Amino acid sequence: MLEQVILDGRPGTPMPPWRRFLSPADARWIVEKLQEGFPNAAN
């Protein structure tokens, strides 16, 4: 679900589509990092 939002955006909101610039694997990586607490997660 979150991967799709990253790739396709959300109409009527400030979230633009990023599919032109990111692959599905890139979107999955972003979701994983967000779920880990990025950018506030301790390394």
N, C-alpha and C. Protein backbone atom coordinates (compact mmCIF):
# COMPACT_ATOMS: atom_id res chain seq x y z
N MET A 1 0.82 -1.20 0.00
CA MET A 1 0.00 0.00 0.00
C MET A 1 0.86 1.26 0.00
N LEU A 2 1.80 1.36 0.93
CA LEU A 2 2.64 2.55 0.99
C LEU A 2 3.51 2.67 -0.26
N GLU A 3 3.98 1.53 -0.76
CA GLU A 3 4.77 1.55 -1.99
C GLU A 3 3.96 2.17 -3.13
N GLN A 4 2.71 1.79 -3.23
CA GLN A 4 1.85 2.32 -4.29
C GLN A 4 1.65 3.82 -4.13
N VAL A 5 1.50 4.30 -2.91
CA VAL A 5 1.35 5.74 -2.68
C VAL A 5 2.61 6.47 -3.13
N ILE A 6 3.77 5.92 -2.80
CA ILE A 6 5.02 6.55 -3.22
C ILE A 6 5.10 6.58 -4.74
N LEU A 7 4.78 5.48 -5.37
CA LEU A 7 4.91 5.39 -6.83
C LEU A 7 3.85 6.19 -7.58
N ASP A 8 2.61 6.18 -7.09
CA ASP A 8 1.49 6.77 -7.83
C ASP A 8 0.96 8.07 -7.24
N GLY A 9 1.45 8.46 -6.06
CA GLY A 9 0.97 9.69 -5.43
C GLY A 9 -0.44 9.54 -4.89
N ARG A 10 -0.98 10.67 -4.41
CA ARG A 10 -2.36 10.71 -3.90
C ARG A 10 -3.04 11.90 -4.50
N PRO A 11 -3.95 11.68 -5.45
CA PRO A 11 -4.66 12.81 -6.07
C PRO A 11 -5.34 13.69 -5.03
N GLY A 12 -5.28 14.99 -5.24
CA GLY A 12 -5.93 15.93 -4.34
C GLY A 12 -5.13 16.23 -3.09
N THR A 13 -3.89 15.70 -3.01
CA THR A 13 -3.02 15.97 -1.86
C THR A 13 -1.67 16.46 -2.39
N PRO A 14 -0.80 16.94 -1.51
CA PRO A 14 0.52 17.37 -1.96
C PRO A 14 1.46 16.23 -2.34
N MET A 15 1.03 14.94 -2.18
CA MET A 15 1.91 13.81 -2.49
C MET A 15 1.94 13.55 -3.99
N PRO A 16 3.06 13.86 -4.66
CA PRO A 16 3.15 13.64 -6.11
C PRO A 16 3.52 12.19 -6.43
N PRO A 17 3.28 11.75 -7.65
CA PRO A 17 3.75 10.43 -8.06
C PRO A 17 5.25 10.46 -8.33
N TRP A 18 5.94 9.39 -7.94
CA TRP A 18 7.38 9.29 -8.14
C TRP A 18 7.77 8.17 -9.08
N ARG A 19 6.79 7.52 -9.71
CA ARG A 19 7.05 6.36 -10.56
C ARG A 19 8.06 6.65 -11.67
N ARG A 20 8.07 7.86 -12.18
CA ARG A 20 9.03 8.21 -13.25
C ARG A 20 10.47 8.15 -12.77
N PHE A 21 10.67 8.28 -11.47
CA PHE A 21 12.01 8.40 -10.92
C PHE A 21 12.45 7.21 -10.07
N LEU A 22 11.48 6.43 -9.56
CA LEU A 22 11.79 5.33 -8.65
C LEU A 22 11.25 4.01 -9.17
N SER A 23 11.99 2.97 -8.90
CA SER A 23 11.52 1.62 -9.24
C SER A 23 10.68 1.09 -8.05
N PRO A 24 9.93 0.02 -8.27
CA PRO A 24 9.22 -0.59 -7.14
C PRO A 24 10.18 -1.00 -6.02
N ALA A 25 11.38 -1.45 -6.36
CA ALA A 25 12.36 -1.81 -5.34
C ALA A 25 12.78 -0.58 -4.53
N ASP A 26 12.94 0.56 -5.21
CA ASP A 26 13.27 1.80 -4.50
C ASP A 26 12.16 2.17 -3.52
N ALA A 27 10.92 2.05 -3.97
CA ALA A 27 9.77 2.39 -3.12
C ALA A 27 9.72 1.47 -1.91
N ARG A 28 10.00 0.17 -2.11
CA ARG A 28 10.03 -0.78 -0.99
C ARG A 28 11.11 -0.38 0.02
N TRP A 29 12.28 0.02 -0.47
CA TRP A 29 13.37 0.43 0.40
C TRP A 29 12.94 1.65 1.24
N ILE A 30 12.31 2.62 0.60
CA ILE A 30 11.83 3.81 1.32
C ILE A 30 10.85 3.42 2.41
N VAL A 31 9.90 2.55 2.08
CA VAL A 31 8.91 2.10 3.08
C VAL A 31 9.60 1.41 4.24
N GLU A 32 10.57 0.54 3.95
CA GLU A 32 11.29 -0.15 5.01
C GLU A 32 11.98 0.85 5.93
N LYS A 33 12.64 1.85 5.36
CA LYS A 33 13.35 2.84 6.17
C LYS A 33 12.37 3.66 7.00
N LEU A 34 11.24 4.05 6.42
CA LEU A 34 10.24 4.81 7.18
C LEU A 34 9.69 3.98 8.34
N GLN A 35 9.47 2.69 8.10
CA GLN A 35 8.94 1.83 9.16
C GLN A 35 9.96 1.60 10.26
N GLU A 36 11.25 1.71 9.93
CA GLU A 36 12.31 1.60 10.94
C GLU A 36 12.44 2.87 11.77
N GLY A 37 11.78 3.95 11.33
CA GLY A 37 11.83 5.19 12.07
C GLY A 37 12.73 6.25 11.45
N PHE A 38 13.18 6.02 10.23
CA PHE A 38 14.04 7.00 9.54
C PHE A 38 13.31 8.32 9.45
N PRO A 39 13.95 9.44 9.71
CA PRO A 39 15.37 9.64 9.92
C PRO A 39 15.78 9.63 11.39
N ASN A 40 14.87 9.31 12.28
CA ASN A 40 15.16 9.42 13.71
C ASN A 40 15.66 8.12 14.34
N ALA A 41 15.75 7.05 13.57
CA ALA A 41 16.20 5.78 14.12
C ALA A 41 17.68 5.85 14.48
N ALA A 42 18.03 5.25 15.59
CA ALA A 42 19.43 5.19 15.99
C ALA A 42 20.16 4.18 15.11
N ASN A 43 21.36 4.52 14.72
CA ASN A 43 22.14 3.60 13.87
C ASN A 43 23.07 2.76 14.69
